[in-house]
């Protein structure tokens, strides 16, 4: 059994993922399948899969996107200074 590498995305540190180190078959030179596991420490959901593509961090990141546990409607509104949108002021006129 190969060693496990831990990894957690920066935007979801409560998602703890790990995957096996990538190994190659000496006869064929092809990569062996890697095992991927992820766990959400907030809702205790788990995810397991085998990956042959080498994109193990993408699998963990996609699991973390589902388990960010944030309501997008409650997020603060970000106004960028380069925005071309016109915003209404308190008197109802455009600024």
N, C-alpha and C. Protein backbone atom coordinates (compact mmCIF):
# COMPACT_ATOMS: atom_id res chain seq x y z
N UNK A 1 0.85 -1.18 0.00
CA UNK A 1 0.00 0.00 0.00
C UNK A 1 0.88 1.24 0.00
N UNK A 2 0.55 2.20 -0.81
CA UNK A 2 1.37 3.41 -0.88
C UNK A 2 0.95 4.42 0.19
N UNK A 3 1.77 5.42 0.36
CA UNK A 3 1.54 6.43 1.39
C UNK A 3 0.41 7.37 0.98
N UNK A 4 -0.19 8.00 1.97
CA UNK A 4 -1.28 8.95 1.75
C UNK A 4 -0.76 10.37 1.88
N UNK A 5 -1.24 11.25 1.00
CA UNK A 5 -0.90 12.67 1.03
C UNK A 5 -2.15 13.44 1.46
N UNK A 6 -2.09 14.23 2.53
CA UNK A 6 -3.26 15.04 2.90
C UNK A 6 -3.32 16.32 2.07
N UNK A 7 -4.53 16.80 1.79
CA UNK A 7 -4.71 18.07 1.09
C UNK A 7 -6.09 18.62 1.38
N UNK A 8 -6.14 19.92 1.56
CA UNK A 8 -7.40 20.61 1.82
C UNK A 8 -7.40 21.91 1.02
N UNK A 9 -8.49 22.24 0.31
CA UNK A 9 -8.51 23.49 -0.44
C UNK A 9 -8.53 24.69 0.49
N UNK A 10 -7.96 25.80 0.05
CA UNK A 10 -7.86 27.00 0.88
C UNK A 10 -9.23 27.58 1.21
N UNK A 11 -10.20 27.45 0.30
CA UNK A 11 -11.52 28.03 0.53
C UNK A 11 -12.41 27.16 1.42
N UNK A 12 -11.99 25.95 1.72
CA UNK A 12 -12.78 25.05 2.57
C UNK A 12 -11.84 24.23 3.46
N UNK A 13 -11.24 24.86 4.48
CA UNK A 13 -10.30 24.11 5.32
C UNK A 13 -10.96 23.02 6.17
N UNK A 14 -12.28 23.05 6.29
CA UNK A 14 -12.98 22.02 7.06
C UNK A 14 -13.14 20.73 6.27
N UNK A 15 -12.85 20.75 4.98
CA UNK A 15 -12.88 19.54 4.16
C UNK A 15 -11.48 18.93 4.17
N UNK A 16 -11.39 17.76 4.72
CA UNK A 16 -10.10 17.07 4.84
C UNK A 16 -10.02 15.98 3.78
N UNK A 17 -9.13 16.18 2.84
CA UNK A 17 -8.97 15.21 1.77
C UNK A 17 -7.61 14.54 1.84
N UNK A 18 -7.53 13.37 1.26
CA UNK A 18 -6.24 12.67 1.18
C UNK A 18 -6.28 11.75 -0.03
N UNK A 19 -5.09 11.47 -0.55
CA UNK A 19 -4.98 10.63 -1.74
C UNK A 19 -3.67 9.87 -1.68
N UNK A 20 -3.63 8.75 -2.39
CA UNK A 20 -2.41 7.95 -2.41
C UNK A 20 -1.42 8.56 -3.39
N UNK A 21 -0.15 8.33 -3.13
CA UNK A 21 0.91 8.84 -4.00
C UNK A 21 0.82 8.14 -5.36
N UNK A 22 1.07 8.88 -6.40
CA UNK A 22 0.98 8.31 -7.75
C UNK A 22 2.18 7.40 -8.01
N UNK A 23 1.90 6.19 -8.47
CA UNK A 23 2.94 5.21 -8.78
C UNK A 23 2.76 4.75 -10.22
N UNK A 24 3.86 4.36 -10.82
CA UNK A 24 3.84 3.92 -12.21
C UNK A 24 4.24 2.46 -12.29
N UNK A 25 3.60 1.74 -13.20
CA UNK A 25 3.91 0.34 -13.43
C UNK A 25 5.24 0.27 -14.17
N UNK A 26 6.24 -0.47 -13.63
CA UNK A 26 7.55 -0.51 -14.29
C UNK A 26 7.55 -1.20 -15.66
N UNK A 27 6.62 -2.12 -15.87
CA UNK A 27 6.59 -2.83 -17.14
C UNK A 27 5.96 -2.01 -18.26
N UNK A 28 4.81 -1.39 -17.97
CA UNK A 28 4.10 -0.66 -19.02
C UNK A 28 4.39 0.84 -18.99
N UNK A 29 4.82 1.35 -17.86
CA UNK A 29 5.08 2.78 -17.72
C UNK A 29 3.82 3.60 -17.50
N UNK A 30 2.68 2.93 -17.36
CA UNK A 30 1.42 3.63 -17.14
C UNK A 30 1.20 3.89 -15.65
N UNK A 31 0.46 4.93 -15.34
CA UNK A 31 0.17 5.27 -13.95
C UNK A 31 -0.87 4.31 -13.37
N UNK A 32 -0.65 3.94 -12.12
CA UNK A 32 -1.62 3.11 -11.41
C UNK A 32 -2.76 4.00 -10.91
N UNK A 33 -3.90 3.39 -10.58
CA UNK A 33 -5.01 4.16 -10.04
C UNK A 33 -4.67 4.66 -8.64
N UNK A 34 -5.18 5.84 -8.32
CA UNK A 34 -4.99 6.41 -7.00
C UNK A 34 -6.32 6.39 -6.26
N UNK A 35 -6.26 6.22 -4.95
CA UNK A 35 -7.46 6.28 -4.13
C UNK A 35 -7.60 7.69 -3.59
N UNK A 36 -8.83 8.21 -3.59
CA UNK A 36 -9.12 9.55 -3.11
C UNK A 36 -10.19 9.45 -2.04
N UNK A 37 -9.98 10.14 -0.92
CA UNK A 37 -10.96 10.20 0.15
C UNK A 37 -11.09 11.63 0.62
N UNK A 38 -12.31 12.05 0.95
CA UNK A 38 -12.54 13.39 1.49
C UNK A 38 -13.64 13.30 2.53
N UNK A 39 -13.54 14.13 3.56
CA UNK A 39 -14.52 14.17 4.63
C UNK A 39 -14.80 15.62 5.00
N UNK A 40 -16.06 15.93 5.17
CA UNK A 40 -16.47 17.26 5.63
C UNK A 40 -16.64 17.19 7.15
N UNK A 41 -15.92 18.04 7.87
CA UNK A 41 -15.99 17.98 9.34
C UNK A 41 -17.25 18.68 9.87
N UNK A 42 -17.99 19.40 9.03
CA UNK A 42 -19.22 20.07 9.49
C UNK A 42 -20.44 19.16 9.39
N UNK A 43 -20.62 18.51 8.25
CA UNK A 43 -21.79 17.65 8.09
C UNK A 43 -21.43 16.16 8.10
N UNK A 44 -20.17 15.84 8.21
CA UNK A 44 -19.64 14.47 8.32
C UNK A 44 -19.94 13.62 7.08
N UNK A 45 -20.07 14.25 5.95
CA UNK A 45 -20.23 13.51 4.69
C UNK A 45 -18.86 13.01 4.25
N UNK A 46 -18.85 11.88 3.58
CA UNK A 46 -17.59 11.31 3.10
C UNK A 46 -17.68 11.05 1.60
N UNK A 47 -16.52 10.96 0.99
CA UNK A 47 -16.42 10.76 -0.45
C UNK A 47 -15.22 9.85 -0.69
N UNK A 48 -15.40 8.83 -1.51
CA UNK A 48 -14.31 7.93 -1.88
C UNK A 48 -14.41 7.63 -3.37
N UNK A 49 -13.26 7.55 -3.99
CA UNK A 49 -13.23 7.19 -5.40
C UNK A 49 -11.83 6.77 -5.80
N UNK A 50 -11.73 6.10 -6.93
CA UNK A 50 -10.45 5.75 -7.52
C UNK A 50 -10.26 6.62 -8.74
N UNK A 51 -9.05 7.10 -8.94
CA UNK A 51 -8.78 8.04 -10.02
C UNK A 51 -7.57 7.54 -10.82
N UNK A 52 -7.72 7.47 -12.12
CA UNK A 52 -6.62 7.05 -12.98
C UNK A 52 -6.02 8.21 -13.75
N UNK A 53 -6.66 9.39 -13.67
CA UNK A 53 -6.21 10.53 -14.46
C UNK A 53 -5.13 11.35 -13.78
N UNK A 54 -4.97 11.21 -12.46
CA UNK A 54 -4.00 12.02 -11.73
C UNK A 54 -4.56 13.33 -11.23
N UNK A 55 -5.84 13.60 -11.47
CA UNK A 55 -6.47 14.84 -11.04
C UNK A 55 -7.16 14.67 -9.68
N UNK A 56 -6.43 14.12 -8.73
CA UNK A 56 -7.03 13.80 -7.44
C UNK A 56 -7.43 15.06 -6.67
N UNK A 57 -6.65 16.12 -6.77
CA UNK A 57 -7.00 17.37 -6.05
C UNK A 57 -8.27 17.99 -6.63
N UNK A 58 -8.51 17.81 -7.90
CA UNK A 58 -9.76 18.32 -8.49
C UNK A 58 -10.97 17.61 -7.92
N UNK A 59 -10.88 16.32 -7.68
CA UNK A 59 -11.98 15.57 -7.08
C UNK A 59 -12.28 16.09 -5.68
N UNK A 60 -11.23 16.34 -4.90
CA UNK A 60 -11.42 16.86 -3.54
C UNK A 60 -11.98 18.27 -3.60
N UNK A 61 -11.50 19.09 -4.53
CA UNK A 61 -11.97 20.47 -4.66
C UNK A 61 -13.45 20.51 -5.05
N UNK A 62 -13.89 19.62 -5.93
CA UNK A 62 -15.30 19.59 -6.32
C UNK A 62 -16.18 19.17 -5.15
N UNK A 63 -15.71 18.22 -4.36
CA UNK A 63 -16.44 17.82 -3.16
C UNK A 63 -16.53 19.00 -2.20
N UNK A 64 -15.44 19.77 -2.07
CA UNK A 64 -15.42 20.91 -1.16
C UNK A 64 -16.36 22.02 -1.62
N UNK A 65 -16.52 22.21 -2.94
CA UNK A 65 -17.45 23.23 -3.44
C UNK A 65 -18.88 22.96 -2.99
N UNK A 66 -19.25 21.70 -2.97
CA UNK A 66 -20.59 21.33 -2.52
C UNK A 66 -20.73 21.52 -1.01
N UNK A 67 -19.63 21.40 -0.29
CA UNK A 67 -19.66 21.44 1.17
C UNK A 67 -19.04 22.72 1.74
N UNK A 68 -19.23 23.84 1.07
CA UNK A 68 -18.75 25.11 1.65
C UNK A 68 -19.69 25.59 2.74
N UNK A 69 -20.94 25.16 2.71
CA UNK A 69 -21.95 25.50 3.73
C UNK A 69 -22.10 27.00 3.90
N UNK A 70 -22.20 27.72 2.78
CA UNK A 70 -22.43 29.16 2.79
C UNK A 70 -23.66 29.46 1.93
N UNK A 71 -24.44 30.40 2.39
CA UNK A 71 -25.60 30.83 1.62
C UNK A 71 -25.17 32.00 0.74
N UNK A 72 -25.18 31.86 -0.57
CA UNK A 72 -24.72 32.95 -1.43
C UNK A 72 -25.60 34.20 -1.34
N UNK A 73 -26.85 34.05 -0.93
CA UNK A 73 -27.73 35.21 -0.81
C UNK A 73 -27.42 36.04 0.44
N UNK A 74 -26.74 35.44 1.41
CA UNK A 74 -26.38 36.15 2.63
C UNK A 74 -25.00 36.78 2.55
N UNK A 75 -24.29 36.55 1.48
CA UNK A 75 -22.93 37.09 1.34
C UNK A 75 -22.98 38.59 1.11
N UNK A 76 -21.92 39.26 1.51
CA UNK A 76 -21.83 40.70 1.31
C UNK A 76 -21.73 40.99 -0.18
N UNK A 77 -22.30 42.12 -0.58
CA UNK A 77 -22.21 42.53 -1.98
C UNK A 77 -20.88 43.24 -2.19
N UNK A 78 -20.19 42.84 -3.22
CA UNK A 78 -18.89 43.42 -3.52
C UNK A 78 -19.06 44.38 -4.68
N UNK A 79 -18.70 45.62 -4.46
CA UNK A 79 -18.73 46.60 -5.55
C UNK A 79 -17.31 46.88 -5.97
N UNK A 80 -17.04 46.63 -7.22
CA UNK A 80 -15.70 46.87 -7.73
C UNK A 80 -15.62 48.28 -8.30
N UNK A 81 -14.53 48.97 -8.11
CA UNK A 81 -14.45 50.35 -8.60
C UNK A 81 -14.48 50.45 -10.12
N UNK A 82 -14.19 49.39 -10.81
CA UNK A 82 -14.20 49.43 -12.28
C UNK A 82 -15.54 49.02 -12.86
N UNK A 83 -16.54 48.78 -12.00
CA UNK A 83 -17.85 48.36 -12.47
C UNK A 83 -18.52 49.48 -13.24
N UNK A 84 -19.15 49.16 -14.35
CA UNK A 84 -19.85 50.14 -15.17
C UNK A 84 -21.33 50.24 -14.79
N UNK A 85 -21.75 49.48 -13.79
CA UNK A 85 -23.13 49.55 -13.36
C UNK A 85 -23.38 50.86 -12.62
N UNK A 86 -24.55 51.38 -12.83
CA UNK A 86 -24.92 52.59 -12.10
C UNK A 86 -25.82 52.17 -10.95
N UNK A 87 -25.56 52.70 -9.78
CA UNK A 87 -26.32 52.32 -8.59
C UNK A 87 -27.21 53.48 -8.16
N UNK A 88 -28.37 53.16 -7.71
CA UNK A 88 -29.30 54.17 -7.22
C UNK A 88 -28.87 54.62 -5.82
N UNK A 89 -28.94 55.91 -5.62
CA UNK A 89 -28.63 56.49 -4.33
C UNK A 89 -29.83 56.41 -3.39
N UNK A 90 -29.71 56.97 -2.18
CA UNK A 90 -30.81 56.90 -1.20
C UNK A 90 -32.05 57.67 -1.66
N UNK A 91 -31.88 58.68 -2.52
CA UNK A 91 -33.04 59.44 -3.00
C UNK A 91 -33.68 58.81 -4.24
N UNK A 92 -33.17 57.69 -4.73
CA UNK A 92 -33.72 56.98 -5.86
C UNK A 92 -33.12 57.33 -7.19
N UNK A 93 -32.27 58.38 -7.23
CA UNK A 93 -31.61 58.77 -8.47
C UNK A 93 -30.32 58.00 -8.64
N UNK A 94 -29.88 57.92 -9.88
CA UNK A 94 -28.60 57.27 -10.15
C UNK A 94 -27.47 58.18 -9.68
N UNK A 95 -26.43 57.57 -9.17
CA UNK A 95 -25.28 58.34 -8.68
C UNK A 95 -24.36 58.72 -9.81
